[in-house]
């Protein structure tokens, strides 16, 4: 692709940080792991942070630390990356999918209470595309029913909701560091929480269940979800440049919005006035008179012109595994399904030039 869908923002500082670790014997379980965790605690103002090898691993550990197990239900939107639901299934839990708001594309708080049953143990709102979910009504519902709240902020590092940072609005939050995210460690994730029990359990389980008994002592069932010092060195350098990275992405987003807003053939995600989005992707939603096949043809034509494009996201509840396992069917979540059928993700990263944005928009407009 001449204009790829995404690319990481890597500078000489990151290259030097990784090289410095390679000159030491501490490639894993060394000093860079707690240093990376400290950078997150400082940035988010939380008591605890646990670095792991992916956002998916982070979500799994939070599910286990919260005691979500066989037969327990967790309410989650279907308009999200599949890991948000998979992490519930890993230990026998059951995701209960709830529809999304047609404008913000986040979970619709008004739809949550009807989905609560005696088996419901937690709510898992997702900060879709870097915009925090509407957390105040979600927390009120959780408090009313005695439920835990687990925030999937994998796409939202740097976002705020009513002045509070994404990832800190529930009992625990998670971030992901895949190369298309705001910052990257290649692969990696982070759990953040003020709950000491979640912190201690997650810390132990990420490292084969070890807890104060030496390398061959294992207090509980655990996993190898560790993040290496090499990855953490990259993450530390990225955190040192976080405001610069976010500003670059915001600048590109503003160029796009200036050209795309108000177009009669599609609309953009609505940003709530009390939210500051952390720009993750640039997604448009075609009007309802477009069919999924027409959307797919637009994407294919953009790719033929050397412009990266994709659908974003297909509904999780209609993925083959969930259709087979849970009996999900089309029509269950009409807002999510209509949205998913008509989304197009355009090239987005912090170093797109104005001429590249112009080229993408002109190509898109010519296909509508």
Foldseek 3Di string as FASTA:
>chain_A
DLFAQFFFDDDVQLVVLLVVVVVDPAFFPDDLQVVLFVLVCVVQVADGKHKFFWLLLLLLLLCVLLPQAAQAEEEEAQQDPLSLQVSNPPHRHHYDHAAPDLFQRWGDLVGPVVRDDPRYAAYETECPQQWFDPQPSVVVSCVVVVHFYEYECQQHAPKDFLRHGGQARTQKYKHWAPRLHLHHLNGIMMITHNDVSSRVSSNLQCQQQDDPPPNPDHPDGHDVGGDTSSSSSSSSSCSVCNVVFQVLQVVLVVLLCVLPDPDPFWHFRDHDPRMDGRRRFGKIFGDLVDFLVLQVVLQVQCVVVVWHKDQRDAGSCPDVVNCVPVVRDPPPHVSSNNRSSGMMTGRGGSPDDSVNSVVRSVSSVVSD
